[in-house]
Amino acid sequence: MNHYDCKYYLNTDVFKGLCKRDKSSINADDQACENFVNARKCKYCSNFTLISTDLGTCMNKYDAYPEMSAVTCNEFS
């Protein structure tokens, strides 16, 4: 897992961001630390089905991207 997959990661640009826990500057692609918690992304949802490398479906109805944020999704599980 990488920092950009963590719920505590806040991106500031394409390559780096901040850790919401300790406000340190981190690179998005670096290995996640021991405080890693999965962010709410479609790829972690039980309703998501991957159909190709970068595309999937949500509940077999809607197109969805694995990296799409699901923060406001009521069906995330």
N, C-alpha and C. Protein backbone atom coordinates (compact mmCIF):
# COMPACT_ATOMS: atom_id res chain seq x y z
N MET A 1 0.83 -1.18 0.00
CA MET A 1 0.00 0.00 0.00
C MET A 1 0.88 1.25 0.00
N ASN A 2 0.38 2.28 -0.64
CA ASN A 2 1.08 3.55 -0.72
C ASN A 2 0.32 4.62 0.05
N HIS A 3 1.00 5.74 0.29
CA HIS A 3 0.37 6.83 1.04
C HIS A 3 -0.93 7.29 0.40
N TYR A 4 -0.99 7.35 -0.93
CA TYR A 4 -2.20 7.87 -1.58
C TYR A 4 -3.42 6.97 -1.40
N ASP A 5 -3.25 5.77 -0.87
CA ASP A 5 -4.37 4.88 -0.58
C ASP A 5 -4.84 4.99 0.88
N CYS A 6 -4.25 5.89 1.63
CA CYS A 6 -4.56 6.02 3.06
C CYS A 6 -5.57 7.14 3.29
N LYS A 7 -6.44 6.95 4.25
CA LYS A 7 -7.44 7.96 4.57
C LYS A 7 -6.82 9.20 5.19
N TYR A 8 -5.60 9.11 5.70
CA TYR A 8 -4.92 10.25 6.30
C TYR A 8 -4.08 11.04 5.31
N TYR A 9 -4.08 10.64 4.03
CA TYR A 9 -3.30 11.34 3.02
C TYR A 9 -4.09 12.49 2.42
N LEU A 10 -3.49 13.65 2.38
CA LEU A 10 -4.10 14.84 1.77
C LEU A 10 -3.16 15.30 0.67
N ASN A 11 -3.59 15.17 -0.59
CA ASN A 11 -2.69 15.55 -1.68
C ASN A 11 -2.58 17.07 -1.79
N THR A 12 -1.36 17.52 -2.07
CA THR A 12 -1.12 18.94 -2.29
C THR A 12 -0.74 19.20 -3.74
N ASP A 13 -0.26 18.19 -4.43
CA ASP A 13 -0.04 18.23 -5.87
C ASP A 13 0.01 16.78 -6.37
N VAL A 14 0.44 16.57 -7.58
CA VAL A 14 0.42 15.24 -8.18
C VAL A 14 1.37 14.27 -7.50
N PHE A 15 2.48 14.76 -6.98
CA PHE A 15 3.54 13.90 -6.46
C PHE A 15 3.63 13.82 -4.94
N LYS A 16 3.11 14.78 -4.23
CA LYS A 16 3.28 14.78 -2.77
C LYS A 16 2.02 15.27 -2.07
N GLY A 17 2.07 15.10 -0.76
CA GLY A 17 0.94 15.53 0.05
C GLY A 17 1.33 15.65 1.50
N LEU A 18 0.32 15.73 2.36
CA LEU A 18 0.53 15.85 3.80
C LEU A 18 -0.16 14.71 4.52
N CYS A 19 0.44 14.28 5.61
CA CYS A 19 -0.20 13.30 6.49
C CYS A 19 -1.11 14.08 7.43
N LYS A 20 -2.39 13.75 7.45
CA LYS A 20 -3.35 14.45 8.30
C LYS A 20 -3.11 14.18 9.79
N ARG A 21 -2.39 13.09 10.09
CA ARG A 21 -2.14 12.75 11.49
C ARG A 21 -1.06 13.64 12.11
N ASP A 22 0.07 13.79 11.42
CA ASP A 22 1.18 14.54 12.01
C ASP A 22 1.64 15.74 11.19
N LYS A 23 0.91 16.05 10.10
CA LYS A 23 1.17 17.21 9.24
C LYS A 23 2.53 17.14 8.54
N SER A 24 3.12 15.97 8.42
CA SER A 24 4.41 15.83 7.74
C SER A 24 4.20 15.77 6.23
N SER A 25 5.20 16.20 5.49
CA SER A 25 5.16 16.14 4.03
C SER A 25 5.57 14.73 3.59
N ILE A 26 4.79 14.12 2.68
CA ILE A 26 5.06 12.76 2.23
C ILE A 26 4.87 12.66 0.72
N ASN A 27 5.57 11.72 0.12
CA ASN A 27 5.42 11.45 -1.30
C ASN A 27 4.26 10.48 -1.50
N ALA A 28 3.43 10.73 -2.48
CA ALA A 28 2.23 9.93 -2.72
C ALA A 28 2.54 8.46 -2.97
N ASP A 29 3.62 8.18 -3.70
CA ASP A 29 3.94 6.80 -4.09
C ASP A 29 4.80 6.04 -3.09
N ASP A 30 5.21 6.68 -2.00
CA ASP A 30 6.03 5.98 -1.00
C ASP A 30 5.21 4.93 -0.26
N GLN A 31 5.90 3.96 0.28
CA GLN A 31 5.28 2.89 1.06
C GLN A 31 4.54 3.48 2.26
N ALA A 32 3.35 3.00 2.53
CA ALA A 32 2.54 3.50 3.65
C ALA A 32 3.18 3.15 4.99
N CYS A 33 2.87 3.93 5.99
CA CYS A 33 3.42 3.71 7.33
C CYS A 33 2.53 2.75 8.13
N GLU A 34 2.88 2.54 9.38
CA GLU A 34 2.14 1.61 10.23
C GLU A 34 0.77 2.14 10.64
N ASN A 35 0.50 3.42 10.42
CA ASN A 35 -0.80 4.01 10.74
C ASN A 35 -1.78 3.97 9.58
N PHE A 36 -1.46 3.22 8.54
CA PHE A 36 -2.27 3.15 7.33
C PHE A 36 -3.68 2.65 7.61
N VAL A 37 -4.66 3.38 7.05
CA VAL A 37 -6.08 2.99 7.07
C VAL A 37 -6.61 3.21 5.66
N ASN A 38 -7.28 2.20 5.10
CA ASN A 38 -7.80 2.33 3.74
C ASN A 38 -8.69 3.55 3.60
N ALA A 39 -8.41 4.33 2.55
CA ALA A 39 -9.27 5.46 2.20
C ALA A 39 -10.55 4.91 1.59
N ARG A 40 -11.61 5.69 1.61
CA ARG A 40 -12.87 5.28 0.98
C ARG A 40 -12.74 5.49 -0.52
N LYS A 41 -12.28 4.45 -1.20
CA LYS A 41 -12.15 4.47 -2.65
C LYS A 41 -12.98 3.31 -3.20
N CYS A 42 -13.45 3.47 -4.40
CA CYS A 42 -14.29 2.45 -5.01
C CYS A 42 -13.63 1.07 -5.00
N LYS A 43 -12.33 1.02 -5.21
CA LYS A 43 -11.64 -0.27 -5.28
C LYS A 43 -11.72 -1.06 -3.97
N TYR A 44 -12.03 -0.43 -2.86
CA TYR A 44 -12.17 -1.11 -1.58
C TYR A 44 -13.62 -1.43 -1.22
N CYS A 45 -14.56 -1.09 -2.08
CA CYS A 45 -15.97 -1.29 -1.80
C CYS A 45 -16.43 -2.66 -2.30
N SER A 46 -17.31 -3.30 -1.56
CA SER A 46 -17.83 -4.62 -1.96
C SER A 46 -18.78 -4.52 -3.16
N ASN A 47 -19.28 -3.32 -3.46
CA ASN A 47 -20.17 -3.12 -4.61
C ASN A 47 -19.42 -2.89 -5.91
N PHE A 48 -18.09 -2.78 -5.84
CA PHE A 48 -17.26 -2.49 -7.01
C PHE A 48 -16.77 -3.78 -7.66
N THR A 49 -16.88 -3.85 -8.99
CA THR A 49 -16.37 -4.97 -9.76
C THR A 49 -15.44 -4.43 -10.83
N LEU A 50 -14.19 -4.88 -10.84
CA LEU A 50 -13.22 -4.45 -11.83
C LEU A 50 -13.47 -5.18 -13.14
N ILE A 51 -13.59 -4.43 -14.25
CA ILE A 51 -13.84 -5.07 -15.55
C ILE A 51 -12.66 -4.92 -16.50
N SER A 52 -11.77 -3.98 -16.24
CA SER A 52 -10.51 -3.85 -16.98
C SER A 52 -9.51 -3.18 -16.04
N THR A 53 -8.33 -2.87 -16.55
CA THR A 53 -7.28 -2.34 -15.69
C THR A 53 -7.69 -1.09 -14.92
N ASP A 54 -8.33 -0.16 -15.59
CA ASP A 54 -8.67 1.12 -14.96
C ASP A 54 -10.15 1.45 -14.97
N LEU A 55 -11.01 0.45 -15.09
CA LEU A 55 -12.45 0.70 -15.13
C LEU A 55 -13.20 -0.44 -14.48
N GLY A 56 -14.28 -0.10 -13.82
CA GLY A 56 -15.13 -1.11 -13.19
C GLY A 56 -16.56 -0.64 -13.17
N THR A 57 -17.39 -1.38 -12.45
CA THR A 57 -18.77 -1.00 -12.30
C THR A 57 -19.14 -0.96 -10.82
N CYS A 58 -20.10 -0.12 -10.51
CA CYS A 58 -20.64 -0.02 -9.16
C CYS A 58 -22.02 -0.65 -9.19
N MET A 59 -22.22 -1.67 -8.38
CA MET A 59 -23.49 -2.39 -8.28
C MET A 59 -23.95 -2.90 -9.65
N ASN A 60 -23.00 -3.15 -10.54
CA ASN A 60 -23.26 -3.62 -11.91
C ASN A 60 -24.18 -2.69 -12.69
N LYS A 61 -24.24 -1.40 -12.30
CA LYS A 61 -25.10 -0.42 -12.96
C LYS A 61 -24.32 0.76 -13.53
N TYR A 62 -23.35 1.24 -12.78
CA TYR A 62 -22.68 2.50 -13.10
C TYR A 62 -21.19 2.27 -13.36
N ASP A 63 -20.63 3.02 -14.30
CA ASP A 63 -19.20 2.99 -14.49
C ASP A 63 -18.52 3.64 -13.29
N ALA A 64 -17.40 3.06 -12.88
CA ALA A 64 -16.65 3.61 -11.75
C ALA A 64 -15.17 3.32 -11.95
N TYR A 65 -14.34 4.21 -11.45
CA TYR A 65 -12.90 4.02 -11.52
C TYR A 65 -12.40 3.52 -10.17
N PRO A 66 -11.44 2.62 -10.17
CA PRO A 66 -10.94 2.07 -8.90
C PRO A 66 -10.44 3.15 -7.94
N GLU A 67 -9.80 4.18 -8.46
CA GLU A 67 -9.23 5.24 -7.62
C GLU A 67 -10.23 6.32 -7.24
N MET A 68 -11.48 6.20 -7.68
CA MET A 68 -12.49 7.22 -7.40
C MET A 68 -12.79 7.28 -5.90
N SER A 69 -12.85 8.49 -5.37
CA SER A 69 -13.17 8.69 -3.97
C SER A 69 -14.65 8.38 -3.72
N ALA A 70 -14.92 7.65 -2.65
CA ALA A 70 -16.29 7.28 -2.32
C ALA A 70 -16.72 7.92 -1.00
N VAL A 71 -16.17 9.08 -0.70
CA VAL A 71 -16.43 9.75 0.58
C VAL A 71 -17.91 10.07 0.76
N THR A 72 -18.60 10.45 -0.32
CA THR A 72 -20.01 10.83 -0.21
C THR A 72 -20.97 9.73 -0.63
N CYS A 73 -20.46 8.55 -0.92
CA CYS A 73 -21.29 7.44 -1.40
C CYS A 73 -22.04 6.79 -0.22
N ASN A 74 -23.35 6.70 -0.35
CA ASN A 74 -24.17 6.08 0.71
C ASN A 74 -24.16 4.56 0.63
N GLU A 75 -23.71 3.99 -0.48
CA GLU A 75 -23.71 2.55 -0.67
C GLU A 75 -22.35 1.90 -0.39
N PHE A 76 -21.37 2.68 0.03
CA PHE A 76 -20.03 2.15 0.26
C PHE A 76 -20.05 1.14 1.41
N SER A 77 -19.48 -0.02 1.14
CA SER A 77 -19.39 -1.03 2.20
C SER A 77 -18.13 -1.86 2.03
